[in-house]
Structures are given as structure tokens and as C-alpha cells.
């Protein structure tokens, strides 16, 4: 019974991705928080930024990244960093949404495009209304450096 289930053909095309949001996040000066039992902690203060969201129904909305968030990362002994960012965004209609973005960063590992490996799992807490579609999907993200901070690209996983 198990052999038949585990021998099924690969179904990697079962998943698709749809761009759901792009955030240009500005960062303040980073802070060394010292060594802890799980590794070296560093805070990258989130100071602001702008975003554009693409709802499944085609509506495009914009907003700001509210300054006061933090990305507190842990550099583990195996040279991998665990990224843990918690911040808020305010859409141009006034809606405030909580973003909690956790990820894994491997600086020495460069992908096929010559980029660092930084993949994340953003979660959103949005009030009911125009942006509550963010509460009902699974998202993955990428994070790329730019001169003012980081560019976070968020993709909805389609099945």
C-alpha cells in the first residue's frame, strides 16, 4: 500500500505562483544584539517604504511600510541565518495590516541567477474587507538587496 503511494509520479507542476505584493522596505542602521544560545542576533530596524499589492480579482492597491518594525535575524553556527521580520503596512485606503515574514538566508549559496539564497514565508493579518484575501492564502517570498534596503516579492502559491 505505501509503496504504491510513495511511487506516484512527480507532480511538481501541481503548484503555480502569482505575484501578490512587492514591498520596497527601507532599513535603519543594523544593531548587534550579541550571541544567544541559538546564535548571533542582529536587528535590522524597518524604517519605512512603499508597497504595491495585486489582489486575485485584479485590483491593484498601494500603501506604505510603517516605520517601527524589526527584522531580528539569527546567524546560526552552520552559517545559515534565520530571518524574522515583524512590521505593519498601511494601505492607501487606511487599512493597517500586520506582516510577519520568516525566512532562511544562505549567503555563500548563490542560485542560478547569481543571487543570494533568501526565501521567506510571509503571513498577513488583515481586517475583514478589501484586503482580507491576504488571510486566505499561503505565500512565499524572496528578498533582494537594493541601495535603500530590501525588495520583498511575495507570491501566492496556487494549487
Foldseek 3Di string as FASTA:
>chain_A
DVVVVVPDDDDVVQKDKDFFKKWDWFWDDKDFPQADPFATKIKTFTAKTKMWGQDPVGDIWIWMWHGDKIWIWGQGPVRKIKTWIWGWIATPVGWIKIKTKIWIWRQVDADPVRFTDIKIWIAMDTDPDDPCVSNVFTKMWDWDDDPRGIMITIITMDD
